[in-house]
C-alpha atoms as a PDB file:
ATOM      1  CA  MET A   1      -0.621   1.748 -15.141  1.00  0.00           C
ATOM      2  CA  THR A   2       2.730   0.621 -13.197  1.00  0.00           C
ATOM      3  CA  LEU A   3       3.624   1.851  -9.853  1.00  0.00           C
ATOM      4  CA  ARG A   4       6.006   3.965 -11.173  1.00  0.00           C
ATOM      5  CA  GLU A   5       3.508   5.870 -13.239  1.00  0.00           C
ATOM      6  CA  LEU A   6       1.291   5.925 -10.152  1.00  0.00           C
ATOM      7  CA  ALA A   7       3.944   7.276  -7.945  1.00  0.00           C
ATOM      8  CA  VAL A   8       5.140  10.134 -10.558  1.00  0.00           C
ATOM      9  CA  LEU A   9       1.315  10.858 -11.336  1.00  0.00           C
ATOM     10  CA  THR A  10       0.458  11.569  -7.529  1.00  0.00           C
ATOM     11  CA  GLY A  11       4.009  12.445  -6.387  1.00  0.00           C
ATOM     12  CA  ALA A  12       4.106   9.426  -4.015  1.00  0.00           C
ATOM     13  CA  ARG A  13       7.314   8.632  -2.367  1.00  0.00           C
ATOM     14  CA  ILE A  14       8.003   5.038  -2.895  1.00  0.00           C
ATOM     15  CA  ALA A  15       9.264   3.805   0.653  1.00  0.00           C
ATOM     16  CA  GLU A  16      11.089   0.618  -1.134  1.00  0.00           C
ATOM     17  CA  PRO A  17      12.151   1.677  -4.283  1.00  0.00           C
ATOM     18  CA  ASP A  18      13.382  -1.684  -5.986  1.00  0.00           C
ATOM     19  CA  ASP A  19      13.604  -2.678  -9.622  1.00  0.00           C
ATOM     20  CA  ALA A  20      10.716  -5.212  -8.906  1.00  0.00           C
ATOM     21  CA  ILE A  21       8.265  -2.868  -7.573  1.00  0.00           C
ATOM     22  CA  TRP A  22       8.493   0.147  -9.582  1.00  0.00           C
ATOM     23  CA  HIS A  23       7.226  -2.569 -12.785  1.00  0.00           C
ATOM     24  CA  HIS A  24       4.260  -3.788 -10.527  1.00  0.00           C
ATOM     25  CA  ILE A  25       0.998  -3.139 -12.598  1.00  0.00           C
ATOM     26  CA  ILE A  26      -1.490  -1.527 -10.922  1.00  0.00           C
ATOM     27  CA  ASP A  27      -4.956  -2.739 -12.004  1.00  0.00           C
ATOM     28  CA  GLY A  28      -7.126  -1.329  -9.309  1.00  0.00           C
ATOM     29  CA  ALA A  29      -7.610   0.152  -6.087  1.00  0.00           C
ATOM     30  CA  SER A  30      -9.241  -0.832  -2.404  1.00  0.00           C
ATOM     31  CA  ILE A  31     -10.163   0.606   0.677  1.00  0.00           C
ATOM     32  CA  ASP A  32     -10.701  -2.500   2.645  1.00  0.00           C
ATOM     33  CA  SER A  33      -7.884  -4.653   3.455  1.00  0.00           C
ATOM     34  CA  ARG A  34     -10.090  -7.659   3.645  1.00  0.00           C
ATOM     35  CA  GLY A  35     -10.742  -8.457   0.130  1.00  0.00           C
ATOM     36  CA  LEU A  36      -7.834  -6.976  -1.649  1.00  0.00           C
ATOM     37  CA  ALA A  37      -7.460  -8.590  -4.783  1.00  0.00           C
ATOM     38  CA  ASP A  38      -4.152  -9.113  -7.112  1.00  0.00           C
ATOM     39  CA  GLY A  39      -3.106  -6.573  -8.901  1.00  0.00           C
ATOM     40  CA  HIS A  40      -5.144  -3.617  -6.442  1.00  0.00           C
ATOM     41  CA  ILE A  41      -3.338  -0.813  -4.625  1.00  0.00           C
ATOM     42  CA  PHE A  42      -4.604  -0.949  -0.567  1.00  0.00           C
ATOM     43  CA  VAL A  43      -6.103   2.583   0.315  1.00  0.00           C
ATOM     44  CA  PRO A  44      -6.070   3.225   4.172  1.00  0.00           C
ATOM     45  CA  LEU A  45      -8.555   5.884   4.734  1.00  0.00           C
ATOM     46  CA  PRO A  46      -9.410   7.230   8.349  1.00  0.00           C
ATOM     47  CA  GLY A  47     -12.781   6.537   9.432  1.00  0.00           C
ATOM     48  CA  THR A  48     -15.309   6.753  12.665  1.00  0.00           C
ATOM     49  CA  HIS A  49     -14.590   3.556  14.209  1.00  0.00           C
ATOM     50  CA  THR A  50     -11.514   2.545  12.908  1.00  0.00           C
ATOM     51  CA  ASP A  51      -8.530   3.894  10.495  1.00  0.00           C
ATOM     52  CA  GLY A  52      -7.477   1.867   7.875  1.00  0.00           C
ATOM     53  CA  HIS A  53      -3.877   2.799   8.374  1.00  0.00           C
ATOM     54  CA  ALA A  54      -4.044   0.156  11.290  1.00  0.00           C
ATOM     55  CA  TYR A  55      -4.344  -2.454   8.939  1.00  0.00           C
ATOM     56  CA  ILE A  56      -1.147  -1.828   6.427  1.00  0.00           C
ATOM     57  CA  GLY A  57       1.376  -4.454   8.838  1.00  0.00           C
ATOM     58  CA  ALA A  58      -1.890  -7.423   7.777  1.00  0.00           C
ATOM     59  CA  VAL A  59      -1.750  -6.224   4.081  1.00  0.00           C
ATOM     60  CA  LEU A  60       1.844  -6.435   3.402  1.00  0.00           C
ATOM     61  CA  ALA A  61       2.058  -9.799   5.315  1.00  0.00           C
ATOM     62  CA  ALA A  62      -0.574 -10.960   3.767  1.00  0.00           C
ATOM     63  CA  GLY A  63       1.521 -10.464   0.611  1.00  0.00           C
ATOM     64  CA  ALA A  64      -0.121  -7.192  -0.804  1.00  0.00           C
ATOM     65  CA  PRO A  65       3.257  -5.425  -3.169  1.00  0.00           C
ATOM     66  CA  SER A  66       2.018  -2.148  -2.337  1.00  0.00           C
ATOM     67  CA  PHE A  67      -0.449   0.740  -0.269  1.00  0.00           C
ATOM     68  CA  CYS A  68      -0.958   4.139  -0.323  1.00  0.00           C
ATOM     69  CA  ALA A  69      -1.292   6.092   2.579  1.00  0.00           C
ATOM     70  CA  ALA A  70      -0.993   9.488   4.056  1.00  0.00           C
ATOM     71  CA  ALA A  71       1.276   8.595   7.146  1.00  0.00           C
ATOM     72  CA  PHE A  72       2.188   5.185   8.569  1.00  0.00           C
ATOM     73  CA  ALA A  73       3.904   4.474  12.120  1.00  0.00           C
ATOM     74  CA  THR A  74       7.315   3.126  11.207  1.00  0.00           C
ATOM     75  CA  THR A  75       7.438   1.080  14.423  1.00  0.00           C
ATOM     76  CA  ASP A  76       4.526  -1.031  12.243  1.00  0.00           C
ATOM     77  CA  THR A  77       6.705  -4.405  12.762  1.00  0.00           C
ATOM     78  CA  ALA A  78       5.098  -5.988   9.729  1.00  0.00           C
ATOM     79  CA  LEU A  79       6.352  -3.029   8.029  1.00  0.00           C
ATOM     80  CA  ALA A  80       9.850  -2.534   8.902  1.00  0.00           C
ATOM     81  CA  ALA A  81      10.515  -6.341   8.658  1.00  0.00           C
ATOM     82  CA  ARG A  82       9.900  -5.911   4.885  1.00  0.00           C
END
C-alpha cells in the first residue's frame, strides 16, 4: 500500500505532501522507534512511562520516511528541519 492510499483510507493529513512521499510503499508498522524496518511507518503511542511522540524527531533524523501520529510538537527541531 502506498502512503497516499493509507492517507485516503485513514483520513490522515500528510505534513509534507510531495510526489516522492505519496508513492512511498508501506510494508508494515511499528510502535518501537528502535527497530523500525525499511518500508514501515512509525506509530507513536502514549504510554505509562514514556510517550512515543517524543521519538518522532529521532525517527525522522534516522531516515524514516514517515510516521503516523495523533499530535506532534511543531517545535521539534528535527521535524522542523525536514
